[in-house]
C-alpha atoms as a PDB file:
ATOM      1  CA  MET A   1     -62.650 -55.902 142.662  1.00  0.00           C
ATOM      2  CA  ARG A   2     -61.474 -55.333 146.204  1.00  0.00           C
ATOM      3  CA  VAL A   3     -58.209 -57.229 146.493  1.00  0.00           C
ATOM      4  CA  LEU A   4     -55.826 -58.032 149.326  1.00  0.00           C
ATOM      5  CA  VAL A   5     -52.184 -58.739 148.466  1.00  0.00           C
ATOM      6  CA  THR A   6     -50.154 -60.056 151.358  1.00  0.00           C
ATOM      7  CA  GLY A   7     -46.496 -59.127 150.982  1.00  0.00           C
ATOM      8  CA  GLY A   8     -47.421 -56.358 148.557  1.00  0.00           C
ATOM      9  CA  GLY A   9     -44.116 -54.608 149.165  1.00  0.00           C
ATOM     10  CA  GLY A  10     -42.108 -57.684 148.196  1.00  0.00           C
ATOM     11  CA  PHE A  11     -40.600 -58.472 144.821  1.00  0.00           C
ATOM     12  CA  LEU A  12     -43.494 -60.421 143.299  1.00  0.00           C
ATOM     13  CA  GLY A  13     -46.099 -58.667 145.428  1.00  0.00           C
ATOM     14  CA  LEU A  14     -45.195 -55.224 144.088  1.00  0.00           C
ATOM     15  CA  TYR A  15     -45.417 -56.277 140.436  1.00  0.00           C
ATOM     16  CA  LEU A  16     -48.723 -58.011 141.126  1.00  0.00           C
ATOM     17  CA  THR A  17     -50.042 -54.934 142.897  1.00  0.00           C
ATOM     18  CA  GLU A  18     -49.054 -52.734 139.955  1.00  0.00           C
ATOM     19  CA  GLN A  19     -50.915 -54.992 137.523  1.00  0.00           C
ATOM     20  CA  LEU A  20     -54.042 -55.013 139.677  1.00  0.00           C
ATOM     21  CA  VAL A  21     -53.999 -51.226 140.073  1.00  0.00           C
ATOM     22  CA  ALA A  22     -53.480 -50.794 136.321  1.00  0.00           C
ATOM     23  CA  ARG A  23     -56.637 -52.748 135.560  1.00  0.00           C
ATOM     24  CA  GLY A  24     -58.688 -50.716 138.045  1.00  0.00           C
ATOM     25  CA  ASP A  25     -58.952 -52.941 141.112  1.00  0.00           C
ATOM     26  CA  HIS A  26     -59.069 -51.483 144.610  1.00  0.00           C
ATOM     27  CA  VAL A  27     -55.948 -52.957 146.167  1.00  0.00           C
ATOM     28  CA  ARG A  28     -55.096 -53.307 149.835  1.00  0.00           C
ATOM     29  CA  CYS A  29     -51.666 -54.594 150.871  1.00  0.00           C
ATOM     30  CA  LEU A  30     -50.734 -56.267 154.129  1.00  0.00           C
ATOM     31  CA  CYS A  31     -47.028 -55.682 154.761  1.00  0.00           C
ATOM     32  CA  ARG A  32     -44.674 -55.761 157.707  1.00  0.00           C
ATOM     33  CA  GLY A  33     -43.022 -52.499 156.661  1.00  0.00           C
ATOM     34  CA  SER A  34     -43.746 -49.242 154.873  1.00  0.00           C
ATOM     35  CA  TYR A  35     -43.000 -48.998 151.151  1.00  0.00           C
ATOM     36  CA  GLN A  36     -42.767 -45.805 149.127  1.00  0.00           C
ATOM     37  CA  GLU A  37     -43.607 -47.719 145.942  1.00  0.00           C
ATOM     38  CA  LEU A  38     -46.993 -48.692 147.382  1.00  0.00           C
ATOM     39  CA  ASN A  39     -47.636 -45.160 148.573  1.00  0.00           C
ATOM     40  CA  SER A  40     -46.898 -43.902 145.060  1.00  0.00           C
ATOM     41  CA  LEU A  41     -49.467 -46.324 143.644  1.00  0.00           C
ATOM     42  CA  GLY A  42     -52.102 -44.971 146.022  1.00  0.00           C
ATOM     43  CA  VAL A  43     -53.035 -48.378 147.381  1.00  0.00           C
ATOM     44  CA  GLU A  44     -54.381 -48.944 150.857  1.00  0.00           C
ATOM     45  CA  THR A  45     -51.625 -50.320 153.086  1.00  0.00           C
ATOM     46  CA  ILE A  46     -52.006 -52.107 156.403  1.00  0.00           C
ATOM     47  CA  GLN A  47     -48.887 -52.786 158.412  1.00  0.00           C
ATOM     48  CA  GLY A  48     -48.951 -56.136 160.141  1.00  0.00           C
ATOM     49  CA  ASP A  49     -47.638 -59.667 160.306  1.00  0.00           C
ATOM     50  CA  ILE A  50     -49.454 -62.700 158.893  1.00  0.00           C
ATOM     51  CA  ARG A  51     -48.708 -64.458 162.182  1.00  0.00           C
ATOM     52  CA  ASP A  52     -51.163 -62.022 163.796  1.00  0.00           C
ATOM     53  CA  ALA A  53     -54.494 -63.735 163.106  1.00  0.00           C
ATOM     54  CA  GLN A  54     -56.642 -60.739 164.028  1.00  0.00           C
ATOM     55  CA  ARG A  55     -54.579 -58.425 161.840  1.00  0.00           C
ATOM     56  CA  VAL A  56     -55.132 -60.778 158.924  1.00  0.00           C
ATOM     57  CA  VAL A  57     -58.881 -60.834 159.585  1.00  0.00           C
ATOM     58  CA  ASN A  58     -58.985 -57.052 159.612  1.00  0.00           C
ATOM     59  CA  ALA A  59     -56.936 -56.777 156.421  1.00  0.00           C
ATOM     60  CA  SER A  60     -59.106 -59.221 154.443  1.00  0.00           C
ATOM     61  CA  GLU A  61     -62.460 -57.778 155.474  1.00  0.00           C
ATOM     62  CA  GLY A  62     -64.638 -56.863 152.503  1.00  0.00           C
ATOM     63  CA  CYS A  63     -62.308 -58.391 149.919  1.00  0.00           C
ATOM     64  CA  ASP A  64     -63.316 -60.321 146.808  1.00  0.00           C
ATOM     65  CA  ILE A  65     -59.997 -62.115 146.537  1.00  0.00           C
ATOM     66  CA  VAL A  66     -56.757 -62.627 148.447  1.00  0.00           C
ATOM     67  CA  PHE A  67     -53.379 -63.096 146.779  1.00  0.00           C
ATOM     68  CA  HIS A  68     -51.131 -64.588 149.447  1.00  0.00           C
ATOM     69  CA  THR A  69     -47.551 -63.888 148.329  1.00  0.00           C
ATOM     70  CA  ALA A  70     -46.057 -63.157 151.771  1.00  0.00           C
ATOM     71  CA  GLY A  71     -43.645 -65.625 153.328  1.00  0.00           C
ATOM     72  CA  VAL A  72     -40.082 -66.211 154.406  1.00  0.00           C
ATOM     73  CA  ALA A  73     -37.642 -67.927 152.038  1.00  0.00           C
ATOM     74  CA  GLY A  74     -34.180 -69.281 152.676  1.00  0.00           C
ATOM     75  CA  ILE A  75     -31.993 -72.345 152.900  1.00  0.00           C
ATOM     76  CA  TRP A  76     -31.193 -71.989 156.598  1.00  0.00           C
ATOM     77  CA  GLY A  77     -32.697 -70.715 159.808  1.00  0.00           C
ATOM     78  CA  PRO A  78     -34.802 -71.755 162.798  1.00  0.00           C
ATOM     79  CA  ARG A  79     -37.575 -74.219 162.044  1.00  0.00           C
ATOM     80  CA  LYS A  80     -39.896 -72.151 164.238  1.00  0.00           C
ATOM     81  CA  THR A  81     -39.524 -69.083 162.008  1.00  0.00           C
ATOM     82  CA  PHE A  82     -40.336 -70.899 158.757  1.00  0.00           C
ATOM     83  CA  PHE A  83     -43.321 -72.758 160.139  1.00  0.00           C
ATOM     84  CA  GLU A  84     -44.811 -69.842 162.045  1.00  0.00           C
ATOM     85  CA  ILE A  85     -44.679 -67.557 158.998  1.00  0.00           C
ATOM     86  CA  ASN A  86     -45.188 -69.910 156.068  1.00  0.00           C
ATOM     87  CA  THR A  87     -47.464 -72.532 157.609  1.00  0.00           C
ATOM     88  CA  VAL A  88     -49.299 -70.935 160.531  1.00  0.00           C
ATOM     89  CA  GLY A  89     -49.437 -67.612 158.683  1.00  0.00           C
ATOM     90  CA  THR A  90     -51.107 -69.302 155.721  1.00  0.00           C
ATOM     91  CA  GLN A  91     -53.605 -71.015 158.011  1.00  0.00           C
ATOM     92  CA  ASN A  92     -54.435 -67.550 159.379  1.00  0.00           C
ATOM     93  CA  ILE A  93     -55.094 -66.375 155.808  1.00  0.00           C
ATOM     94  CA  ILE A  94     -57.434 -69.308 155.138  1.00  0.00           C
ATOM     95  CA  GLU A  95     -59.389 -68.800 158.351  1.00  0.00           C
ATOM     96  CA  ALA A  96     -59.653 -65.054 157.705  1.00  0.00           C
ATOM     97  CA  CYS A  97     -61.086 -65.794 154.256  1.00  0.00           C
ATOM     98  CA  TRP A  98     -63.654 -68.085 155.844  1.00  0.00           C
ATOM     99  CA  LYS A  99     -64.570 -65.571 158.520  1.00  0.00           C
ATOM    100  CA  ASN A 100     -64.937 -62.693 156.060  1.00  0.00           C
ATOM    101  CA  GLN A 101     -66.557 -64.851 153.364  1.00  0.00           C
ATOM    102  CA  VAL A 102     -63.821 -64.031 150.851  1.00  0.00           C
ATOM    103  CA  PRO A 103     -64.666 -66.206 147.832  1.00  0.00           C
ATOM    104  CA  ARG A 104     -61.201 -66.676 146.246  1.00  0.00           C
ATOM    105  CA  LEU A 105     -57.628 -67.291 147.411  1.00  0.00           C
ATOM    106  CA  VAL A 106     -54.516 -67.620 145.229  1.00  0.00           C
ATOM    107  CA  TYR A 107     -51.452 -68.869 147.102  1.00  0.00           C
ATOM    108  CA  THR A 108     -47.840 -68.374 146.003  1.00  0.00           C
ATOM    109  CA  SER A 109     -46.153 -71.700 146.617  1.00  0.00           C
ATOM    110  CA  SER A 110     -42.807 -73.002 145.299  1.00  0.00           C
ATOM    111  CA  PRO A 111     -41.614 -75.880 143.103  1.00  0.00           C
ATOM    112  CA  SER A 112     -39.269 -76.792 145.953  1.00  0.00           C
ATOM    113  CA  VAL A 113     -42.256 -78.385 147.700  1.00  0.00           C
ATOM    114  CA  THR A 114     -41.648 -81.380 145.406  1.00  0.00           C
ATOM    115  CA  PHE A 115     -37.820 -81.351 145.458  1.00  0.00           C
ATOM    116  CA  ASP A 116     -36.108 -84.377 146.977  1.00  0.00           C
ATOM    117  CA  GLY A 117     -32.550 -83.523 145.924  1.00  0.00           C
ATOM    118  CA  THR A 118     -32.592 -85.446 142.629  1.00  0.00           C
ATOM    119  CA  ASP A 119     -33.210 -84.444 139.003  1.00  0.00           C
ATOM    120  CA  GLN A 120     -36.668 -83.231 138.013  1.00  0.00           C
ATOM    121  CA  ASN A 121     -36.842 -83.549 134.238  1.00  0.00           C
ATOM    122  CA  GLY A 122     -40.041 -82.020 132.891  1.00  0.00           C
ATOM    123  CA  VAL A 123     -42.173 -83.277 135.765  1.00  0.00           C
ATOM    124  CA  ASP A 124     -45.796 -82.208 136.034  1.00  0.00           C
ATOM    125  CA  GLU A 125     -48.082 -81.633 139.010  1.00  0.00           C
ATOM    126  CA  SER A 126     -48.544 -85.355 139.598  1.00  0.00           C
ATOM    127  CA  VAL A 127     -45.059 -85.520 141.145  1.00  0.00           C
ATOM    128  CA  PRO A 128     -45.501 -86.240 144.886  1.00  0.00           C
ATOM    129  CA  TYR A 129     -44.209 -84.358 147.877  1.00  0.00           C
ATOM    130  CA  PRO A 130     -40.930 -85.886 149.117  1.00  0.00           C
ATOM    131  CA  SER A 131     -40.783 -88.105 152.185  1.00  0.00           C
ATOM    132  CA  GLN A 132     -37.713 -86.298 153.537  1.00  0.00           C
ATOM    133  CA  TRP A 133     -36.782 -82.630 153.485  1.00  0.00           C
ATOM    134  CA  LEU A 134     -33.405 -80.967 153.014  1.00  0.00           C
ATOM    135  CA  CYS A 135     -34.398 -77.723 154.744  1.00  0.00           C
ATOM    136  CA  HIS A 136     -37.307 -76.098 156.549  1.00  0.00           C
ATOM    137  CA  TYR A 137     -38.416 -73.720 153.780  1.00  0.00           C
ATOM    138  CA  PRO A 138     -39.852 -76.249 151.301  1.00  0.00           C
ATOM    139  CA  HIS A 139     -41.325 -78.334 154.103  1.00  0.00           C
ATOM    140  CA  SER A 140     -43.162 -75.360 155.601  1.00  0.00           C
ATOM    141  CA  LYS A 141     -44.369 -74.276 152.150  1.00  0.00           C
ATOM    142  CA  ALA A 142     -45.557 -77.783 151.279  1.00  0.00           C
ATOM    143  CA  ILE A 143     -47.710 -78.022 154.380  1.00  0.00           C
ATOM    144  CA  ALA A 144     -49.106 -74.553 153.685  1.00  0.00           C
ATOM    145  CA  GLU A 145     -49.861 -75.500 150.079  1.00  0.00           C
ATOM    146  CA  GLN A 146     -51.707 -78.619 151.194  1.00  0.00           C
ATOM    147  CA  LYS A 147     -53.769 -76.542 153.628  1.00  0.00           C
ATOM    148  CA  VAL A 148     -54.711 -74.096 150.873  1.00  0.00           C
ATOM    149  CA  LEU A 149     -55.728 -76.835 148.446  1.00  0.00           C
ATOM    150  CA  ALA A 150     -57.669 -78.716 151.120  1.00  0.00           C
ATOM    151  CA  ALA A 151     -59.587 -75.512 151.924  1.00  0.00           C
ATOM    152  CA  ASN A 152     -61.014 -75.369 148.404  1.00  0.00           C
ATOM    153  CA  GLY A 153     -64.786 -75.681 148.482  1.00  0.00           C
ATOM    154  CA  GLN A 154     -65.035 -75.149 152.217  1.00  0.00           C
ATOM    155  CA  GLN A 155     -67.293 -72.328 153.417  1.00  0.00           C
ATOM    156  CA  GLY A 156     -67.603 -70.919 149.907  1.00  0.00           C
ATOM    157  CA  LEU A 157     -63.857 -70.469 149.358  1.00  0.00           C
ATOM    158  CA  LEU A 158     -62.202 -71.379 146.043  1.00  0.00           C
ATOM    159  CA  THR A 159     -58.423 -71.831 146.112  1.00  0.00           C
ATOM    160  CA  CYS A 160     -55.400 -72.656 143.993  1.00  0.00           C
ATOM    161  CA  ALA A 161     -51.611 -72.559 144.375  1.00  0.00           C
ATOM    162  CA  LEU A 162     -48.922 -71.425 141.937  1.00  0.00           C
ATOM    163  CA  ARG A 163     -45.340 -72.663 141.977  1.00  0.00           C
ATOM    164  CA  PRO A 164     -43.124 -70.078 140.230  1.00  0.00           C
ATOM    165  CA  HIS A 165     -39.492 -71.162 139.927  1.00  0.00           C
ATOM    166  CA  LEU A 166     -36.572 -68.718 140.333  1.00  0.00           C
ATOM    167  CA  ILE A 167     -38.406 -65.412 139.973  1.00  0.00           C
ATOM    168  CA  TRP A 168     -36.053 -62.769 138.565  1.00  0.00           C
ATOM    169  CA  GLY A 169     -36.063 -59.290 137.069  1.00  0.00           C
ATOM    170  CA  PRO A 170     -35.550 -55.616 137.949  1.00  0.00           C
ATOM    171  CA  ARG A 171     -36.104 -54.547 141.578  1.00  0.00           C
ATOM    172  CA  ASP A 172     -35.147 -57.973 142.926  1.00  0.00           C
ATOM    173  CA  ARG A 173     -33.615 -57.414 146.364  1.00  0.00           C
ATOM    174  CA  HIS A 174     -32.515 -60.991 147.022  1.00  0.00           C
ATOM    175  CA  LEU A 175     -31.538 -63.455 144.269  1.00  0.00           C
ATOM    176  CA  ILE A 176     -29.707 -61.175 141.812  1.00  0.00           C
ATOM    177  CA  PRO A 177     -28.036 -58.881 144.397  1.00  0.00           C
ATOM    178  CA  ARG A 178     -26.725 -61.873 146.380  1.00  0.00           C
ATOM    179  CA  LEU A 179     -25.442 -63.517 143.223  1.00  0.00           C
ATOM    180  CA  LEU A 180     -23.591 -60.380 142.155  1.00  0.00           C
ATOM    181  CA  GLU A 181     -22.188 -59.754 145.615  1.00  0.00           C
ATOM    182  CA  ARG A 182     -20.778 -63.266 145.869  1.00  0.00           C
ATOM    183  CA  ALA A 183     -19.271 -62.906 142.407  1.00  0.00           C
ATOM    184  CA  ARG A 184     -17.569 -59.656 143.392  1.00  0.00           C
ATOM    185  CA  GLN A 185     -16.176 -61.375 146.478  1.00  0.00           C
ATOM    186  CA  GLY A 186     -14.874 -64.284 144.408  1.00  0.00           C
ATOM    187  CA  LYS A 187     -17.037 -66.770 146.303  1.00  0.00           C
ATOM    188  CA  LEU A 188     -18.955 -68.325 143.416  1.00  0.00           C
ATOM    189  CA  ARG A 189     -18.225 -71.902 142.385  1.00  0.00           C
ATOM    190  CA  ARG A 190     -19.954 -73.999 139.777  1.00  0.00           C
ATOM    191  CA  VAL A 191     -21.444 -77.059 141.468  1.00  0.00           C
ATOM    192  CA  GLY A 192     -21.645 -80.268 139.473  1.00  0.00           C
ATOM    193  CA  ASN A 193     -20.825 -80.832 135.807  1.00  0.00           C
ATOM    194  CA  GLY A 194     -22.260 -77.520 134.620  1.00  0.00           C
ATOM    195  CA  ARG A 195     -24.812 -79.145 132.303  1.00  0.00           C
ATOM    196  CA  ASN A 196     -27.911 -79.034 134.501  1.00  0.00           C
ATOM    197  CA  LEU A 197     -31.048 -77.401 133.139  1.00  0.00           C
ATOM    198  CA  VAL A 198     -33.368 -75.263 135.255  1.00  0.00           C
ATOM    199  CA  ASP A 199     -36.628 -73.424 134.824  1.00  0.00           C
ATOM    200  CA  MET A 200     -37.032 -69.810 135.881  1.00  0.00           C
ATOM    201  CA  ILE A 201     -39.637 -67.076 135.407  1.00  0.00           C
ATOM    202  CA  TYR A 202     -39.502 -63.363 134.720  1.00  0.00           C
ATOM    203  CA  VAL A 203     -41.295 -61.514 137.492  1.00  0.00           C
ATOM    204  CA  GLU A 204     -43.991 -59.867 135.360  1.00  0.00           C
ATOM    205  CA  ASN A 205     -44.914 -63.251 133.895  1.00  0.00           C
ATOM    206  CA  ALA A 206     -45.228 -64.620 137.429  1.00  0.00           C
ATOM    207  CA  ALA A 207     -47.582 -61.753 138.301  1.00  0.00           C
ATOM    208  CA  ASP A 208     -49.579 -62.395 135.102  1.00  0.00           C
ATOM    209  CA  ALA A 209     -50.058 -66.012 136.121  1.00  0.00           C
ATOM    210  CA  HIS A 210     -51.562 -64.965 139.452  1.00  0.00           C
ATOM    211  CA  VAL A 211     -54.053 -62.630 137.775  1.00  0.00           C
ATOM    212  CA  LEU A 212     -55.042 -65.268 135.216  1.00  0.00           C
ATOM    213  CA  ALA A 213     -55.447 -67.978 137.849  1.00  0.00           C
ATOM    214  CA  ALA A 214     -57.635 -65.693 139.953  1.00  0.00           C
ATOM    215  CA  ALA A 215     -59.922 -64.978 136.999  1.00  0.00           C
ATOM    216  CA  ALA A 216     -60.257 -68.725 136.380  1.00  0.00           C
ATOM    217  CA  LEU A 217     -61.237 -69.477 139.989  1.00  0.00           C
ATOM    218  CA  GLN A 218     -64.916 -70.030 139.306  1.00  0.00           C
ATOM    219  CA  PRO A 219     -67.221 -72.743 140.688  1.00  0.00           C
ATOM    220  CA  ASN A 220     -66.451 -76.162 139.203  1.00  0.00           C
ATOM    221  CA  ALA A 221     -63.553 -74.814 137.123  1.00  0.00           C
ATOM    222  CA  PRO A 222     -60.516 -77.117 136.741  1.00  0.00           C
ATOM    223  CA  VAL A 223     -58.221 -74.644 138.504  1.00  0.00           C
ATOM    224  CA  CYS A 224     -60.062 -75.013 141.825  1.00  0.00           C
ATOM    225  CA  GLY A 225     -58.099 -76.907 144.446  1.00  0.00           C
ATOM    226  CA  GLN A 226     -55.082 -77.418 142.168  1.00  0.00           C
ATOM    227  CA  ALA A 227     -51.377 -76.502 142.218  1.00  0.00           C
ATOM    228  CA  TYR A 228     -49.517 -75.350 139.118  1.00  0.00           C
ATOM    229  CA  PHE A 229     -45.900 -75.076 138.052  1.00  0.00           C
ATOM    230  CA  ILE A 230     -45.238 -71.828 136.182  1.00  0.00           C
ATOM    231  CA  SER A 231     -42.080 -70.786 134.368  1.00  0.00           C
ATOM    232  CA  GLN A 232     -40.769 -69.235 131.153  1.00  0.00           C
ATOM    233  CA  GLY A 233     -41.589 -72.575 129.527  1.00  0.00           C
ATOM    234  CA  GLU A 234     -38.051 -72.990 128.209  1.00  0.00           C
ATOM    235  CA  PRO A 235     -35.397 -74.370 130.591  1.00  0.00           C
ATOM    236  CA  VAL A 236     -31.922 -72.865 130.469  1.00  0.00           C
ATOM    237  CA  ASN A 237     -28.500 -74.158 131.360  1.00  0.00           C
ATOM    238  CA  CYS A 238     -28.165 -73.024 134.976  1.00  0.00           C
ATOM    239  CA  TRP A 239     -24.533 -71.945 134.755  1.00  0.00           C
ATOM    240  CA  ASP A 240     -24.747 -70.323 131.334  1.00  0.00           C
ATOM    241  CA  TRP A 241     -27.658 -68.256 132.629  1.00  0.00           C
ATOM    242  CA  ILE A 242     -25.768 -67.288 135.786  1.00  0.00           C
ATOM    243  CA  ASN A 243     -22.800 -66.224 133.639  1.00  0.00           C
ATOM    244  CA  ASP A 244     -25.151 -64.211 131.415  1.00  0.00           C
ATOM    245  CA  ILE A 245     -26.399 -62.344 134.505  1.00  0.00           C
ATOM    246  CA  LEU A 246     -22.826 -61.726 135.641  1.00  0.00           C
ATOM    247  CA  ALA A 247     -22.015 -60.350 132.187  1.00  0.00           C
ATOM    248  CA  LEU A 248     -24.877 -57.858 132.493  1.00  0.00           C
ATOM    249  CA  ALA A 249     -23.053 -56.440 135.510  1.00  0.00           C
ATOM    250  CA  ASN A 250     -19.677 -56.565 133.707  1.00  0.00           C
ATOM    251  CA  LEU A 251     -18.445 -59.364 135.940  1.00  0.00           C
ATOM    252  CA  PRO A 252     -16.328 -62.287 134.699  1.00  0.00           C
ATOM    253  CA  PRO A 253     -17.827 -65.777 134.301  1.00  0.00           C
ATOM    254  CA  ILE A 254     -17.407 -68.434 136.948  1.00  0.00           C
ATOM    255  CA  ASN A 255     -14.201 -70.360 136.309  1.00  0.00           C
ATOM    256  CA  LYS A 256     -13.947 -72.541 139.406  1.00  0.00           C
ATOM    257  CA  SER A 257     -16.002 -75.633 140.104  1.00  0.00           C
ATOM    258  CA  ILE A 258     -16.696 -78.265 142.735  1.00  0.00           C
ATOM    259  CA  SER A 259     -18.358 -81.665 142.386  1.00  0.00           C
ATOM    260  CA  LEU A 260     -21.855 -82.250 143.727  1.00  0.00           C
ATOM    261  CA  SER A 261     -20.562 -84.925 146.108  1.00  0.00           C
ATOM    262  CA  SER A 262     -17.957 -82.554 147.551  1.00  0.00           C
ATOM    263  CA  ALA A 263     -20.449 -79.696 147.875  1.00  0.00           C
ATOM    264  CA  TRP A 264     -22.941 -82.077 149.533  1.00  0.00           C
ATOM    265  CA  ARG A 265     -20.335 -83.200 152.086  1.00  0.00           C
ATOM    266  CA  ILE A 266     -19.291 -79.629 152.818  1.00  0.00           C
ATOM    267  CA  GLY A 267     -22.922 -78.631 153.215  1.00  0.00           C
ATOM    268  CA  SER A 268     -23.579 -81.516 155.589  1.00  0.00           C
ATOM    269  CA  VAL A 269     -20.575 -80.606 157.738  1.00  0.00           C
ATOM    270  CA  LEU A 270     -21.524 -76.926 157.848  1.00  0.00           C
ATOM    271  CA  GLU A 271     -25.141 -77.708 158.706  1.00  0.00           C
ATOM    272  CA  THR A 272     -24.033 -79.884 161.609  1.00  0.00           C
ATOM    273  CA  ALA A 273     -21.537 -77.319 162.865  1.00  0.00           C
ATOM    274  CA  TYR A 274     -24.014 -74.441 162.613  1.00  0.00           C
ATOM    275  CA  ARG A 275     -26.720 -76.472 164.313  1.00  0.00           C
ATOM    276  CA  ILE A 276     -24.468 -77.449 167.233  1.00  0.00           C
ATOM    277  CA  ALA A 277     -23.196 -73.900 167.621  1.00  0.00           C
ATOM    278  CA  GLY A 278     -26.707 -72.418 167.310  1.00  0.00           C
ATOM    279  CA  ILE A 279     -25.658 -70.154 164.424  1.00  0.00           C
ATOM    280  CA  HIS A 280     -28.633 -68.662 162.594  1.00  0.00           C
ATOM    281  CA  SER A 281     -26.749 -66.957 159.771  1.00  0.00           C
ATOM    282  CA  GLU A 282     -26.721 -68.828 156.474  1.00  0.00           C
ATOM    283  CA  PRO A 283     -23.842 -71.233 155.714  1.00  0.00           C
ATOM    284  CA  ARG A 284     -22.062 -70.758 152.400  1.00  0.00           C
ATOM    285  CA  MET A 285     -23.180 -74.260 151.426  1.00  0.00           C
ATOM    286  CA  THR A 286     -25.934 -76.659 152.491  1.00  0.00           C
ATOM    287  CA  ARG A 287     -27.142 -79.976 151.091  1.00  0.00           C
ATOM    288  CA  PHE A 288     -30.260 -78.303 149.683  1.00  0.00           C
ATOM    289  CA  LEU A 289     -28.224 -75.591 147.950  1.00  0.00           C
ATOM    290  CA  ALA A 290     -25.728 -78.106 146.544  1.00  0.00           C
ATOM    291  CA  ALA A 291     -28.536 -80.195 145.061  1.00  0.00           C
ATOM    292  CA  GLN A 292     -30.353 -77.149 143.681  1.00  0.00           C
ATOM    293  CA  LEU A 293     -27.225 -75.902 141.940  1.00  0.00           C
ATOM    294  CA  ALA A 294     -26.214 -79.234 140.400  1.00  0.00           C
ATOM    295  CA  THR A 295     -29.412 -81.041 139.388  1.00  0.00           C
ATOM    296  CA  ASN A 296     -31.987 -80.576 136.651  1.00  0.00           C
ATOM    297  CA  HIS A 297     -35.246 -79.026 137.764  1.00  0.00           C
ATOM    298  CA  PHE A 298     -37.578 -78.013 134.978  1.00  0.00           C
ATOM    299  CA  PHE A 299     -41.300 -78.523 134.762  1.00  0.00           C
ATOM    300  CA  ASP A 300     -44.200 -79.250 132.441  1.00  0.00           C
ATOM    301  CA  ILE A 301     -46.482 -76.180 132.509  1.00  0.00           C
ATOM    302  CA  THR A 302     -49.135 -77.634 130.189  1.00  0.00           C
ATOM    303  CA  ARG A 303     -51.819 -77.574 132.886  1.00  0.00           C
ATOM    304  CA  ALA A 304     -51.320 -73.873 133.599  1.00  0.00           C
ATOM    305  CA  ARG A 305     -51.659 -73.154 129.894  1.00  0.00           C
ATOM    306  CA  GLN A 306     -54.787 -75.264 129.575  1.00  0.00           C
ATOM    307  CA  ASP A 307     -56.591 -74.446 132.821  1.00  0.00           C
ATOM    308  CA  PHE A 308     -56.118 -70.680 133.030  1.00  0.00           C
ATOM    309  CA  GLY A 309     -54.493 -69.623 129.788  1.00  0.00           C
ATOM    310  CA  TYR A 310     -51.009 -68.874 131.088  1.00  0.00           C
ATOM    311  CA  ARG A 311     -48.666 -67.547 128.414  1.00  0.00           C
ATOM    312  CA  THR A 312     -45.138 -66.157 128.555  1.00  0.00           C
ATOM    313  CA  ARG A 313     -45.883 -62.523 127.726  1.00  0.00           C
ATOM    314  CA  ILE A 314     -42.314 -61.307 128.219  1.00  0.00           C
ATOM    315  CA  SER A 315     -39.562 -63.411 126.667  1.00  0.00           C
ATOM    316  CA  THR A 316     -36.379 -64.311 128.472  1.00  0.00           C
ATOM    317  CA  GLU A 317     -34.406 -62.159 126.031  1.00  0.00           C
ATOM    318  CA  THR A 318     -36.581 -59.091 126.693  1.00  0.00           C
ATOM    319  CA  GLY A 319     -36.436 -59.735 130.429  1.00  0.00           C
ATOM    320  CA  MET A 320     -32.642 -59.898 130.356  1.00  0.00           C
ATOM    321  CA  GLN A 321     -32.504 -56.577 128.530  1.00  0.00           C
ATOM    322  CA  ARG A 322     -34.748 -55.017 131.159  1.00  0.00           C
ATOM    323  CA  LEU A 323     -32.563 -56.467 133.903  1.00  0.00           C
ATOM    324  CA  LYS A 324     -29.476 -55.045 132.186  1.00  0.00           C
ATOM    325  CA  HIS A 325     -30.989 -51.569 132.091  1.00  0.00           C
ATOM    326  CA  ALA A 326     -31.972 -51.847 135.749  1.00  0.00           C
ATOM    327  CA  LEU A 327     -28.460 -52.903 136.778  1.00  0.00           C
ATOM    328  CA  GLU A 328     -26.965 -50.035 134.752  1.00  0.00           C
ATOM    329  CA  SER A 329     -29.339 -47.589 136.448  1.00  0.00           C
ATOM    330  CA  ASP A 330     -28.467 -48.942 139.902  1.00  0.00           C
ATOM    331  CA  GLY A 331     -24.784 -48.858 139.117  1.00  0.00           C
END
């Protein structure tokens, strides 16, 4: 197939691109920068921004499927940035698919589109979007997800959305490096009682899910127009897992803690202060971050298993060993 991967130089996008190349697809990547890893794979690369509608049209021309993994994540920043990239950018992808008669679109969403700051204990895809949002990222992604799902069946386009939670593994340039850096600086604190369970997903499993969902996007198939939680399928204790990652880098476990209520108040104060001062850098704590770190959020992935055959190919234990080797190589 002729495939477009938006954000092909990103963490998930690169693993997805490698899998598609390995199975013989002709892959084109739309990226804002230049990436040696993509050059080494021999894929076609187009530099551009998904906010540029014409660039997106050009990039998707002649494609059989689009994997839209590009976006901006974060717990803080200007509303304009999140909505222009995540929401308007996704609308540009949809309209480009219509214009170029691309038949399939798989969108990388996020479980945070359903997060209202309280526990999510094994919830499935029937859980609604919240009525209030703790930050711009999940709000912008939720609107984009709804646009993608609503586009299913229009002008010959079949769509679905995947919600991978806490993608991790080697070559991560965000989650793991930031965690380790904060640990080295002595800035990590356990939030809450330390017993909260969370879902996460090893990056190659997340890429697998995208490939499987794309193959299942056929007329009248159950996957069409649906969103899916995807994870390792076995929630972990959030703080035990964080300490396990720290141990891989020979760092001590977290030994200081703060209550959720205190972290929430601190986050609220910092958000207000940063907003008044017009500071765009990320506060050390926000209400969204406090709630994410202290509450349960794990999901029922039965529908992904049933509708497109998702399976956890790489176990958490194997993934942690691979992460350990990667950290040792980087060190």
